[in-house]
PDB file of N, CA and C in Angstrom:
ATOM      1  N   MET A   1       0.822  -1.204   0.000  1.00  0.00           N
ATOM      2  CA  MET A   1       0.000   0.000   0.000  1.00  0.00           C
ATOM      3  C   MET A   1       0.862   1.262   0.000  1.00  0.00           C
ATOM      4  N   SER A   2       1.932   1.287   0.814  1.00  0.00           N
ATOM      5  CA  SER A   2       2.749   2.494   0.885  1.00  0.00           C
ATOM      6  C   SER A   2       3.428   2.786  -0.446  1.00  0.00           C
ATOM      7  N   SER A   3       3.806   1.729  -1.194  1.00  0.00           N
ATOM      8  CA  SER A   3       4.428   1.970  -2.501  1.00  0.00           C
ATOM      9  C   SER A   3       3.404   2.553  -3.478  1.00  0.00           C
ATOM     10  N   ASP A   4       2.126   2.152  -3.364  1.00  0.00           N
ATOM     11  CA  ASP A   4       1.079   2.724  -4.208  1.00  0.00           C
ATOM     12  C   ASP A   4       0.894   4.213  -3.906  1.00  0.00           C
ATOM     13  N   LEU A   5       0.908   4.562  -2.629  1.00  0.00           N
ATOM     14  CA  LEU A   5       0.770   5.967  -2.243  1.00  0.00           C
ATOM     15  C   LEU A   5       1.945   6.783  -2.765  1.00  0.00           C
ATOM     16  N   LEU A   6       3.148   6.255  -2.647  1.00  0.00           N
ATOM     17  CA  LEU A   6       4.332   6.954  -3.161  1.00  0.00           C
ATOM     18  C   LEU A   6       4.264   7.114  -4.674  1.00  0.00           C
ATOM     19  N   THR A   7       3.793   6.092  -5.358  1.00  0.00           N
ATOM     20  CA  THR A   7       3.676   6.165  -6.817  1.00  0.00           C
ATOM     21  C   THR A   7       2.752   7.311  -7.224  1.00  0.00           C
ATOM     22  N   ILE A   8       1.614   7.428  -6.547  1.00  0.00           N
ATOM     23  CA  ILE A   8       0.655   8.486  -6.880  1.00  0.00           C
ATOM     24  C   ILE A   8       1.219   9.853  -6.490  1.00  0.00           C
ATOM     25  N   ALA A   9       1.834   9.955  -5.314  1.00  0.00           N
ATOM     26  CA  ALA A   9       2.429  11.224  -4.902  1.00  0.00           C
ATOM     27  C   ALA A   9       3.520  11.644  -5.889  1.00  0.00           C
ATOM     28  N   ASN A  10       4.348  10.710  -6.306  1.00  0.00           N
ATOM     29  CA  ASN A  10       5.430  11.048  -7.229  1.00  0.00           C
ATOM     30  C   ASN A  10       4.916  11.366  -8.623  1.00  0.00           C
ATOM     31  N   LEU A  11       3.743  10.849  -8.967  1.00  0.00           N
ATOM     32  CA  LEU A  11       3.092  11.250 -10.217  1.00  0.00           C
ATOM     33  C   LEU A  11       2.758  12.745 -10.164  1.00  0.00           C
ATOM     34  N   TYR A  12       2.314  13.203  -9.001  1.00  0.00           N
ATOM     35  CA  TYR A  12       2.036  14.630  -8.790  1.00  0.00           C
ATOM     36  C   TYR A  12       3.310  15.458  -8.987  1.00  0.00           C
ATOM     37  N   TYR A  13       4.419  14.998  -8.395  1.00  0.00           N
ATOM     38  CA  TYR A  13       5.679  15.750  -8.543  1.00  0.00           C
ATOM     39  C   TYR A  13       6.197  15.695  -9.979  1.00  0.00           C
ATOM     40  N   ASP A  14       5.969  14.578 -10.661  1.00  0.00           N
ATOM     41  CA  ASP A  14       6.323  14.521 -12.085  1.00  0.00           C
ATOM     42  C   ASP A  14       5.446  15.459 -12.902  1.00  0.00           C
ATOM     43  N   THR A  15       4.218  15.678 -12.460  1.00  0.00           N
ATOM     44  CA  THR A  15       3.342  16.651 -13.117  1.00  0.00           C
ATOM     45  C   THR A  15       3.907  18.058 -12.932  1.00  0.00           C
ATOM     46  N   LEU A  16       4.349  18.371 -11.718  1.00  0.00           N
ATOM     47  CA  LEU A  16       4.965  19.680 -11.476  1.00  0.00           C
ATOM     48  C   LEU A  16       6.192  19.876 -12.360  1.00  0.00           C
ATOM     49  N   ARG A  17       6.937  18.799 -12.570  1.00  0.00           N
ATOM     50  CA  ARG A  17       8.151  18.865 -13.395  1.00  0.00           C
ATOM     51  C   ARG A  17       7.837  18.939 -14.886  1.00  0.00           C
ATOM     52  N   GLY A  18       6.569  18.739 -15.256  1.00  0.00           N
ATOM     53  CA  GLY A  18       6.177  18.773 -16.661  1.00  0.00           C
ATOM     54  C   GLY A  18       6.368  17.462 -17.379  1.00  0.00           C
ATOM     55  N   VAL A  19       6.643  16.387 -16.638  1.00  0.00           N
ATOM     56  CA  VAL A  19       6.857  15.066 -17.229  1.00  0.00           C
ATOM     57  C   VAL A  19       5.527  14.370 -17.511  1.00  0.00           C
ATOM     58  N   VAL A  20       4.542  14.625 -16.662  1.00  0.00           N
ATOM     59  CA  VAL A  20       3.201  14.035 -16.777  1.00  0.00           C
ATOM     60  C   VAL A  20       2.219  15.166 -17.050  1.00  0.00           C
ATOM     61  N   GLU A  21       1.270  14.936 -17.935  1.00  0.00           N
ATOM     62  CA  GLU A  21       0.247  15.940 -18.251  1.00  0.00           C
ATOM     63  C   GLU A  21      -0.660  16.174 -17.041  1.00  0.00           C
ATOM     64  N   VAL A  22      -1.021  17.405 -16.809  1.00  0.00           N
ATOM     65  CA  VAL A  22      -1.910  17.762 -15.700  1.00  0.00           C
ATOM     66  C   VAL A  22      -3.222  16.982 -15.799  1.00  0.00           C
ATOM     67  N   ALA A  23      -3.737  16.799 -16.985  1.00  0.00           N
ATOM     68  CA  ALA A  23      -5.010  16.092 -17.187  1.00  0.00           C
ATOM     69  C   ALA A  23      -4.937  14.627 -16.754  1.00  0.00           C
ATOM     70  N   ASP A  24      -3.732  14.059 -16.701  1.00  0.00           N
ATOM     71  CA  ASP A  24      -3.564  12.651 -16.350  1.00  0.00           C
ATOM     72  C   ASP A  24      -3.453  12.409 -14.848  1.00  0.00           C
ATOM     73  N   LEU A  25      -3.438  13.447 -14.051  1.00  0.00           N
ATOM     74  CA  LEU A  25      -3.317  13.313 -12.604  1.00  0.00           C
ATOM     75  C   LEU A  25      -4.635  12.817 -12.017  1.00  0.00           C
ATOM     76  N   PRO A  26      -4.620  11.677 -11.285  1.00  0.00           N
ATOM     77  CA  PRO A  26      -5.867  11.144 -10.724  1.00  0.00           C
ATOM     78  C   PRO A  26      -6.326  11.932  -9.498  1.00  0.00           C
ATOM     79  N   LEU A  27      -7.473  12.575  -9.604  1.00  0.00           N
ATOM     80  CA  LEU A  27      -8.007  13.409  -8.536  1.00  0.00           C
ATOM     81  C   LEU A  27      -9.409  12.955  -8.145  1.00  0.00           C
ATOM     82  N   THR A  28      -9.745  13.129  -6.869  1.00  0.00           N
ATOM     83  CA  THR A  28     -11.118  12.860  -6.435  1.00  0.00           C
ATOM     84  C   THR A  28     -12.010  14.023  -6.862  1.00  0.00           C
ATOM     85  N   ALA A  29     -13.310  13.791  -6.829  1.00  0.00           N
ATOM     86  CA  ALA A  29     -14.275  14.826  -7.229  1.00  0.00           C
ATOM     87  C   ALA A  29     -14.271  16.018  -6.273  1.00  0.00           C
ATOM     88  N   ASP A  30     -13.824  15.785  -5.027  1.00  0.00           N
ATOM     89  CA  ASP A  30     -13.818  16.866  -4.033  1.00  0.00           C
ATOM     90  C   ASP A  30     -12.400  17.245  -3.605  1.00  0.00           C
ATOM     91  N   VAL A  31     -11.441  17.068  -4.500  1.00  0.00           N
ATOM     92  CA  VAL A  31     -10.041  17.375  -4.193  1.00  0.00           C
ATOM     93  C   VAL A  31      -9.885  18.828  -3.755  1.00  0.00           C
ATOM     94  N   SER A  32      -8.962  19.052  -2.813  1.00  0.00           N
ATOM     95  CA  SER A  32      -8.691  20.411  -2.361  1.00  0.00           C
ATOM     96  C   SER A  32      -7.188  20.673  -2.374  1.00  0.00           C
ATOM     97  N   PHE A  33      -6.859  21.935  -2.553  1.00  0.00           N
ATOM     98  CA  PHE A  33      -5.475  22.382  -2.485  1.00  0.00           C
ATOM     99  C   PHE A  33      -5.437  23.568  -1.545  1.00  0.00           C
ATOM    100  N   ILE A  34      -4.604  23.475  -0.507  1.00  0.00           N
ATOM    101  CA  ILE A  34      -4.464  24.543   0.472  1.00  0.00           C
ATOM    102  C   ILE A  34      -2.997  24.948   0.489  1.00  0.00           C
ATOM    103  N   GLY A  35      -2.747  26.218   0.213  1.00  0.00           N
ATOM    104  CA  GLY A  35      -1.371  26.697   0.206  1.00  0.00           C
ATOM    105  C   GLY A  35      -1.288  28.125   0.675  1.00  0.00           C
ATOM    106  N   PRO A  36      -0.069  28.620   0.816  1.00  0.00           N
ATOM    107  CA  PRO A  36       0.095  29.987   1.301  1.00  0.00           C
ATOM    108  C   PRO A  36      -0.369  31.058   0.314  1.00  0.00           C
ATOM    109  N   LEU A  37      -0.454  30.719  -0.961  1.00  0.00           N
ATOM    110  CA  LEU A  37      -0.835  31.717  -1.962  1.00  0.00           C
ATOM    111  C   LEU A  37      -2.211  31.497  -2.566  1.00  0.00           C
ATOM    112  N   VAL A  38      -2.727  30.265  -2.479  1.00  0.00           N
ATOM    113  CA  VAL A  38      -4.017  29.963  -3.098  1.00  0.00           C
ATOM    114  C   VAL A  38      -4.656  28.748  -2.417  1.00  0.00           C
ATOM    115  N   ASN A  39      -5.979  28.781  -2.321  1.00  0.00           N
ATOM    116  CA  ASN A  39      -6.773  27.642  -1.852  1.00  0.00           C
ATOM    117  C   ASN A  39      -7.851  27.381  -2.892  1.00  0.00           C
ATOM    118  N   VAL A  40      -7.982  26.123  -3.326  1.00  0.00           N
ATOM    119  CA  VAL A  40      -9.010  25.787  -4.306  1.00  0.00           C
ATOM    120  C   VAL A  40      -9.656  24.458  -3.952  1.00  0.00           C
ATOM    121  N   ASN A  41     -10.858  24.260  -4.483  1.00  0.00           N
ATOM    122  CA  ASN A  41     -11.594  23.008  -4.317  1.00  0.00           C
ATOM    123  C   ASN A  41     -12.110  22.545  -5.667  1.00  0.00           C
ATOM    124  N   GLY A  42     -12.075  21.231  -5.877  1.00  0.00           N
ATOM    125  CA  GLY A  42     -12.580  20.635  -7.103  1.00  0.00           C
ATOM    126  C   GLY A  42     -11.474  20.370  -8.112  1.00  0.00           C
ATOM    127  N   PRO A  43     -11.654  19.342  -8.930  1.00  0.00           N
ATOM    128  CA  PRO A  43     -10.609  18.952  -9.879  1.00  0.00           C
ATOM    129  C   PRO A  43     -10.309  20.011 -10.945  1.00  0.00           C
ATOM    130  N   ASP A  44     -11.313  20.724 -11.422  1.00  0.00           N
ATOM    131  CA  ASP A  44     -11.068  21.734 -12.455  1.00  0.00           C
ATOM    132  C   ASP A  44     -10.208  22.880 -11.907  1.00  0.00           C
ATOM    133  N   ALA A  45     -10.531  23.346 -10.716  1.00  0.00           N
ATOM    134  CA  ALA A  45      -9.761  24.428 -10.099  1.00  0.00           C
ATOM    135  C   ALA A  45      -8.354  23.961  -9.742  1.00  0.00           C
ATOM    136  N   PHE A  46      -8.238  22.732  -9.245  1.00  0.00           N
ATOM    137  CA  PHE A  46      -6.930  22.158  -8.892  1.00  0.00           C
ATOM    138  C   PHE A  46      -6.042  22.098 -10.134  1.00  0.00           C
ATOM    139  N   ARG A  47      -6.603  21.570 -11.217  1.00  0.00           N
ATOM    140  CA  ARG A  47      -5.829  21.468 -12.468  1.00  0.00           C
ATOM    141  C   ARG A  47      -5.480  22.847 -13.030  1.00  0.00           C
ATOM    142  N   ALA A  48      -6.377  23.810 -12.881  1.00  0.00           N
ATOM    143  CA  ALA A  48      -6.108  25.161 -13.376  1.00  0.00           C
ATOM    144  C   ALA A  48      -4.908  25.776 -12.651  1.00  0.00           C
ATOM    145  N   VAL A  49      -4.817  25.546 -11.352  1.00  0.00           N
ATOM    146  CA  VAL A  49      -3.665  26.042 -10.593  1.00  0.00           C
ATOM    147  C   VAL A  49      -2.390  25.374 -11.089  1.00  0.00           C
ATOM    148  N   LEU A  50      -2.442  24.065 -11.283  1.00  0.00           N
ATOM    149  CA  LEU A  50      -1.256  23.354 -11.779  1.00  0.00           C
ATOM    150  C   LEU A  50      -0.850  23.839 -13.169  1.00  0.00           C
ATOM    151  N   GLU A  51      -1.822  24.098 -14.022  1.00  0.00           N
ATOM    152  CA  GLU A  51      -1.525  24.589 -15.377  1.00  0.00           C
ATOM    153  C   GLU A  51      -0.778  25.923 -15.329  1.00  0.00           C
ATOM    154  N   GLN A  52      -1.046  26.728 -14.305  1.00  0.00           N
ATOM    155  CA  GLN A  52      -0.345  28.003 -14.148  1.00  0.00           C
ATOM    156  C   GLN A  52       1.056  27.805 -13.577  1.00  0.00           C
ATOM    157  N   ILE A  53       1.200  26.841 -12.676  1.00  0.00           N
ATOM    158  CA  ILE A  53       2.473  26.625 -11.984  1.00  0.00           C
ATOM    159  C   ILE A  53       3.489  25.889 -12.851  1.00  0.00           C
ATOM    160  N   VAL A  54       3.061  24.843 -13.527  1.00  0.00           N
ATOM    161  CA  VAL A  54       3.988  23.953 -14.244  1.00  0.00           C
ATOM    162  C   VAL A  54       4.951  24.697 -15.177  1.00  0.00           C
ATOM    163  N   PRO A  55       4.505  25.665 -15.971  1.00  0.00           N
ATOM    164  CA  PRO A  55       5.461  26.336 -16.865  1.00  0.00           C
ATOM    165  C   PRO A  55       6.564  27.113 -16.142  1.00  0.00           C
ATOM    166  N   THR A  56       6.355  27.433 -14.872  1.00  0.00           N
ATOM    167  CA  THR A  56       7.352  28.197 -14.124  1.00  0.00           C
ATOM    168  C   THR A  56       8.375  27.314 -13.420  1.00  0.00           C
ATOM    169  N   VAL A  57       8.105  26.024 -13.321  1.00  0.00           N
ATOM    170  CA  VAL A  57       8.948  25.119 -12.534  1.00  0.00           C
ATOM    171  C   VAL A  57      10.232  24.776 -13.286  1.00  0.00           C
ATOM    172  N   MET A  58      11.348  25.068 -12.630  1.00  0.00           N
ATOM    173  CA  MET A  58      12.647  24.692 -13.183  1.00  0.00           C
ATOM    174  C   MET A  58      13.084  23.330 -12.642  1.00  0.00           C
ATOM    175  N   SER A  59      12.786  23.084 -11.352  1.00  0.00           N
ATOM    176  CA  SER A  59      13.108  21.780 -10.773  1.00  0.00           C
ATOM    177  C   SER A  59      12.343  21.554  -9.477  1.00  0.00           C
ATOM    178  N   VAL A  60      12.119  20.281  -9.198  1.00  0.00           N
ATOM    179  CA  VAL A  60      11.572  19.821  -7.929  1.00  0.00           C
ATOM    180  C   VAL A  60      12.529  18.728  -7.465  1.00  0.00           C
ATOM    181  N   THR A  61      13.213  18.986  -6.350  1.00  0.00           N
ATOM    182  CA  THR A  61      14.188  18.029  -5.838  1.00  0.00           C
ATOM    183  C   THR A  61      13.700  17.519  -4.488  1.00  0.00           C
ATOM    184  N   ILE A  62      13.310  16.254  -4.468  1.00  0.00           N
ATOM    185  CA  ILE A  62      12.769  15.659  -3.243  1.00  0.00           C
ATOM    186  C   ILE A  62      13.903  15.329  -2.283  1.00  0.00           C
ATOM    187  N   ARG A  63      13.755  15.809  -1.058  1.00  0.00           N
ATOM    188  CA  ARG A  63      14.725  15.527   0.005  1.00  0.00           C
ATOM    189  C   ARG A  63      14.328  14.316   0.836  1.00  0.00           C
ATOM    190  N   HIS A  64      13.010  14.221   1.147  1.00  0.00           N
ATOM    191  CA  HIS A  64      12.547  13.138   2.015  1.00  0.00           C
ATOM    192  C   HIS A  64      11.046  12.935   1.824  1.00  0.00           C
ATOM    193  N   GLN A  65      10.614  11.682   1.938  1.00  0.00           N
ATOM    194  CA  GLN A  65       9.184  11.375   1.909  1.00  0.00           C
ATOM    195  C   GLN A  65       8.859  10.406   3.034  1.00  0.00           C
ATOM    196  N   CYS A  66       7.697  10.599   3.625  1.00  0.00           N
ATOM    197  CA  CYS A  66       7.211   9.757   4.708  1.00  0.00           C
ATOM    198  C   CYS A  66       5.777   9.358   4.369  1.00  0.00           C
ATOM    199  N   VAL A  67       5.472   8.078   4.503  1.00  0.00           N
ATOM    200  CA  VAL A  67       4.158   7.561   4.119  1.00  0.00           C
ATOM    201  C   VAL A  67       3.365   7.172   5.358  1.00  0.00           C
ATOM    202  N   GLY A  68       2.102   7.644   5.417  1.00  0.00           N
ATOM    203  CA  GLY A  68       1.178   7.267   6.473  1.00  0.00           C
ATOM    204  C   GLY A  68       0.059   6.420   5.896  1.00  0.00           C
ATOM    205  N   ALA A  69      -1.042   6.295   6.619  1.00  0.00           N
ATOM    206  CA  ALA A  69      -2.159   5.452   6.186  1.00  0.00           C
ATOM    207  C   ALA A  69      -2.752   5.903   4.856  1.00  0.00           C
ATOM    208  N   GLU A  70      -3.002   7.194   4.712  1.00  0.00           N
ATOM    209  CA  GLU A  70      -3.553   7.757   3.473  1.00  0.00           C
ATOM    210  C   GLU A  70      -2.792   8.998   3.037  1.00  0.00           C
ATOM    211  N   THR A  71      -1.610   9.207   3.592  1.00  0.00           N
ATOM    212  CA  THR A  71      -0.880  10.435   3.300  1.00  0.00           C
ATOM    213  C   THR A  71       0.572  10.168   2.923  1.00  0.00           C
ATOM    214  N   VAL A  72       1.083  11.070   2.123  1.00  0.00           N
ATOM    215  CA  VAL A  72       2.508  11.125   1.837  1.00  0.00           C
ATOM    216  C   VAL A  72       2.952  12.543   2.169  1.00  0.00           C
ATOM    217  N   ILE A  73       3.926  12.642   3.043  1.00  0.00           N
ATOM    218  CA  ILE A  73       4.500  13.937   3.396  1.00  0.00           C
ATOM    219  C   ILE A  73       5.844  14.035   2.687  1.00  0.00           C
ATOM    220  N   THR A  74       6.034  15.124   1.953  1.00  0.00           N
ATOM    221  CA  THR A  74       7.245  15.296   1.162  1.00  0.00           C
ATOM    222  C   THR A  74       7.900  16.621   1.520  1.00  0.00           C
ATOM    223  N   ILE A  75       9.204  16.556   1.731  1.00  0.00           N
ATOM    224  CA  ILE A  75      10.025  17.747   1.902  1.00  0.00           C
ATOM    225  C   ILE A  75      10.834  17.873   0.617  1.00  0.00           C
ATOM    226  N   TYR A  76      10.746  19.032  -0.032  1.00  0.00           N
ATOM    227  CA  TYR A  76      11.454  19.179  -1.300  1.00  0.00           C
ATOM    228  C   TYR A  76      11.866  20.623  -1.561  1.00  0.00           C
ATOM    229  N   ASP A  77      12.813  20.773  -2.486  1.00  0.00           N
ATOM    230  CA  ASP A  77      13.231  22.087  -2.961  1.00  0.00           C
ATOM    231  C   ASP A  77      12.458  22.376  -4.238  1.00  0.00           C
ATOM    232  N   PHE A  78      11.786  23.516  -4.256  1.00  0.00           N
ATOM    233  CA  PHE A  78      10.971  23.939  -5.393  1.00  0.00           C
ATOM    234  C   PHE A  78      11.658  25.139  -6.018  1.00  0.00           C
ATOM    235  N   ASP A  79      12.114  24.989  -7.250  1.00  0.00           N
ATOM    236  CA  ASP A  79      12.837  26.062  -7.926  1.00  0.00           C
ATOM    237  C   ASP A  79      12.040  26.534  -9.136  1.00  0.00           C
ATOM    238  N   CYS A  80      11.645  27.798  -9.086  1.00  0.00           N
ATOM    239  CA  CYS A  80      10.943  28.389 -10.234  1.00  0.00           C
ATOM    240  C   CYS A  80      11.673  29.634 -10.725  1.00  0.00           C
ATOM    241  N   GLY A  81      12.976  29.651 -10.512  1.00  0.00           N
ATOM    242  CA  GLY A  81      13.792  30.712 -11.070  1.00  0.00           C
ATOM    243  C   GLY A  81      13.810  32.019 -10.308  1.00  0.00           C
ATOM    244  N   LEU A  82      13.393  32.008  -9.058  1.00  0.00           N
ATOM    245  CA  LEU A  82      13.453  33.233  -8.254  1.00  0.00           C
ATOM    246  C   LEU A  82      14.904  33.593  -7.972  1.00  0.00           C
ATOM    247  N   ASP A  83      15.181  34.875  -7.852  1.00  0.00           N
ATOM    248  CA  ASP A  83      16.532  35.326  -7.514  1.00  0.00           C
ATOM    249  C   ASP A  83      17.007  34.745  -6.188  1.00  0.00           C
ATOM    250  N   SER A  84      16.069  34.474  -5.286  1.00  0.00           N
ATOM    251  CA  SER A  84      16.406  33.922  -3.965  1.00  0.00           C
ATOM    252  C   SER A  84      16.729  32.431  -4.018  1.00  0.00           C
ATOM    253  N   GLY A  85      16.518  31.805  -5.169  1.00  0.00           N
ATOM    254  CA  GLY A  85      16.833  30.379  -5.321  1.00  0.00           C
ATOM    255  C   GLY A  85      15.654  29.482  -5.004  1.00  0.00           C
ATOM    256  N   ALA A  86      15.958  28.212  -4.837  1.00  0.00           N
ATOM    257  CA  ALA A  86      14.921  27.214  -4.556  1.00  0.00           C
ATOM    258  C   ALA A  86      14.294  27.474  -3.189  1.00  0.00           C
ATOM    259  N   VAL A  87      13.013  27.142  -3.085  1.00  0.00           N
ATOM    260  CA  VAL A  87      12.259  27.338  -1.848  1.00  0.00           C
ATOM    261  C   VAL A  87      12.064  25.977  -1.188  1.00  0.00           C
ATOM    262  N   LEU A  88      12.491  25.867   0.078  1.00  0.00           N
ATOM    263  CA  LEU A  88      12.269  24.643   0.838  1.00  0.00           C
ATOM    264  C   LEU A  88      10.775  24.524   1.124  1.00  0.00           C
ATOM    265  N   THR A  89      10.205  23.395   0.767  1.00  0.00           N
ATOM    266  CA  THR A  89       8.763  23.209   0.786  1.00  0.00           C
ATOM    267  C   THR A  89       8.400  21.912   1.502  1.00  0.00           C
ATOM    268  N   ALA A  90       7.301  21.931   2.246  1.00  0.00           N
ATOM    269  CA  ALA A  90       6.726  20.728   2.839  1.00  0.00           C
ATOM    270  C   ALA A  90       5.309  20.586   2.307  1.00  0.00           C
ATOM    271  N   GLU A  91       4.935  19.358   1.980  1.00  0.00           N
ATOM    272  CA  GLU A  91       3.602  19.139   1.424  1.00  0.00           C
ATOM    273  C   GLU A  91       3.049  17.813   1.913  1.00  0.00           C
ATOM    274  N   THR A  92       1.782  17.849   2.291  1.00  0.00           N
ATOM    275  CA  THR A  92       1.056  16.634   2.645  1.00  0.00           C
ATOM    276  C   THR A  92       0.058  16.350   1.540  1.00  0.00           C
ATOM    277  N   ILE A  93       0.136  15.157   0.984  1.00  0.00           N
ATOM    278  CA  ILE A  93      -0.818  14.732  -0.049  1.00  0.00           C
ATOM    279  C   ILE A  93      -1.660  13.608   0.544  1.00  0.00           C
ATOM    280  N   THR A  94      -2.960  13.785   0.525  1.00  0.00           N
ATOM    281  CA  THR A  94      -3.892  12.752   0.982  1.00  0.00           C
ATOM    282  C   THR A  94      -4.388  11.995  -0.241  1.00  0.00           C
ATOM    283  N   ILE A  95      -4.325  10.675  -0.168  1.00  0.00           N
ATOM    284  CA  ILE A  95      -4.696   9.826  -1.302  1.00  0.00           C
ATOM    285  C   ILE A  95      -5.773   8.845  -0.852  1.00  0.00           C
ATOM    286  N   VAL A  96      -6.887   8.829  -1.584  1.00  0.00           N
ATOM    287  CA  VAL A  96      -8.015   7.953  -1.266  1.00  0.00           C
ATOM    288  C   VAL A  96      -8.370   7.156  -2.511  1.00  0.00           C
ATOM    289  N   ASP A  97      -8.383   5.847  -2.381  1.00  0.00           N
ATOM    290  CA  ASP A  97      -8.747   4.953  -3.493  1.00  0.00           C
ATOM    291  C   ASP A  97      -7.938   5.253  -4.763  1.00  0.00           C
ATOM    292  N   GLY A  98      -6.649   5.502  -4.585  1.00  0.00           N
ATOM    293  CA  GLY A  98      -5.778   5.704  -5.734  1.00  0.00           C
ATOM    294  C   GLY A  98      -5.863   7.072  -6.384  1.00  0.00           C
ATOM    295  N   ARG A  99      -6.538   8.009  -5.711  1.00  0.00           N
ATOM    296  CA  ARG A  99      -6.686   9.362  -6.262  1.00  0.00           C
ATOM    297  C   ARG A  99      -6.280  10.397  -5.219  1.00  0.00           C
ATOM    298  N   ILE A 100      -5.738  11.498  -5.690  1.00  0.00           N
ATOM    299  CA  ILE A 100      -5.365  12.580  -4.783  1.00  0.00           C
ATOM    300  C   ILE A 100      -6.638  13.277  -4.309  1.00  0.00           C
ATOM    301  N   ALA A 101      -6.806  13.317  -2.977  1.00  0.00           N
ATOM    302  CA  ALA A 101      -7.983  13.943  -2.380  1.00  0.00           C
ATOM    303  C   ALA A 101      -7.658  15.321  -1.811  1.00  0.00           C
ATOM    304  N   GLY A 102      -6.379  15.586  -1.596  1.00  0.00           N
ATOM    305  CA  GLY A 102      -6.015  16.885  -1.064  1.00  0.00           C
ATOM    306  C   GLY A 102      -4.519  17.077  -0.978  1.00  0.00           C
ATOM    307  N   CYS A 103      -4.117  18.331  -1.101  1.00  0.00           N
ATOM    308  CA  CYS A 103      -2.724  18.731  -0.920  1.00  0.00           C
ATOM    309  C   CYS A 103      -2.705  19.922   0.009  1.00  0.00           C
ATOM    310  N   GLN A 104      -1.804  19.869   0.974  1.00  0.00           N
ATOM    311  CA  GLN A 104      -1.583  21.026   1.830  1.00  0.00           C
ATOM    312  C   GLN A 104      -0.107  21.382   1.714  1.00  0.00           C
ATOM    313  N   LEU A 105       0.153  22.578   1.234  1.00  0.00           N
ATOM    314  CA  LEU A 105       1.493  23.040   0.900  1.00  0.00           C
ATOM    315  C   LEU A 105       1.941  24.093   1.907  1.00  0.00           C
ATOM    316  N   ILE A 106       3.182  23.946   2.384  1.00  0.00           N
ATOM    317  CA  ILE A 106       3.729  24.893   3.347  1.00  0.00           C
ATOM    318  C   ILE A 106       5.094  25.355   2.862  1.00  0.00           C
ATOM    319  N   PHE A 107       5.257  26.672   2.730  1.00  0.00           N
ATOM    320  CA  PHE A 107       6.554  27.257   2.418  1.00  0.00           C
ATOM    321  C   PHE A 107       6.518  28.735   2.765  1.00  0.00           C
ATOM    322  N   ASP A 108       7.690  29.338   2.834  1.00  0.00           N
ATOM    323  CA  ASP A 108       7.783  30.778   3.080  1.00  0.00           C
ATOM    324  C   ASP A 108       7.420  31.489   1.791  1.00  0.00           C
ATOM    325  N   SER A 109       6.304  32.184   1.778  1.00  0.00           N
ATOM    326  CA  SER A 109       5.825  32.824   0.556  1.00  0.00           C
ATOM    327  C   SER A 109       6.444  34.199   0.316  1.00  0.00           C
ATOM    328  N   ALA A 110       7.291  34.687   1.216  1.00  0.00           N
ATOM    329  CA  ALA A 110       7.878  36.022   1.068  1.00  0.00           C
ATOM    330  C   ALA A 110       8.567  36.236  -0.277  1.00  0.00           C
ATOM    331  N   PRO A 111       9.364  35.285  -0.793  1.00  0.00           N
ATOM    332  CA  PRO A 111       9.998  35.532  -2.100  1.00  0.00           C
ATOM    333  C   PRO A 111       8.991  35.733  -3.234  1.00  0.00           C
ATOM    334  N   PHE A 112       7.795  35.176  -3.116  1.00  0.00           N
ATOM    335  CA  PHE A 112       6.791  35.263  -4.161  1.00  0.00           C
ATOM    336  C   PHE A 112       6.028  36.586  -4.127  1.00  0.00           C
ATOM    337  N   THR A 113       6.052  37.271  -3.003  1.00  0.00           N
ATOM    338  CA  THR A 113       5.335  38.544  -2.907  1.00  0.00           C
ATOM    339  C   THR A 113       6.042  39.648  -3.677  1.00  0.00           C
ATOM    340  N   LEU A 114       7.286  39.402  -4.055  1.00  0.00           N
ATOM    341  CA  LEU A 114       8.054  40.394  -4.807  1.00  0.00           C
ATOM    342  C   LEU A 114       7.837  40.288  -6.310  1.00  0.00           C
ATOM    343  N   ILE A 115       7.126  39.240  -6.735  1.00  0.00           N
ATOM    344  CA  ILE A 115       6.914  39.012  -8.169  1.00  0.00           C
ATOM    345  C   ILE A 115       5.815  39.919  -8.682  1.00  0.00           C
TER     346      ILE A 115
END
C-alpha cells in the first residue's frame, strides 16, 4: 500500500516537473489544495492552478518522503527561477482509493510577494 501511495504522490511531482500531463493526474471529485498563496476546491480548479504553476517550474528536488495510512508527506526544494533560489517546501498529499484527495502546501511565501 505504501508503494502505491508513493507512486501516486510522485506522479504529482512529475506533473509539477512537466513530465506528466496535468489532465492525467488522478483526482477525487472533491479534491482540495491549500497553500500559502491559493486555496481551491474541485478537480477543475486544482488542475487550473497546476496549469499556471507547471510552466514556471525549473526543478523539484525531493529531500525526504514519509508515508502514512492515506498520506505522503514530502520535503522538497521547489525552484521556479526566483533570484532567492529554490524554496524549501513541505507538502502533505492525501490519497483515497488511488486518487489525490487533497494537498496542503507549506513554504515561506515572502519571495513570491516580490513578483
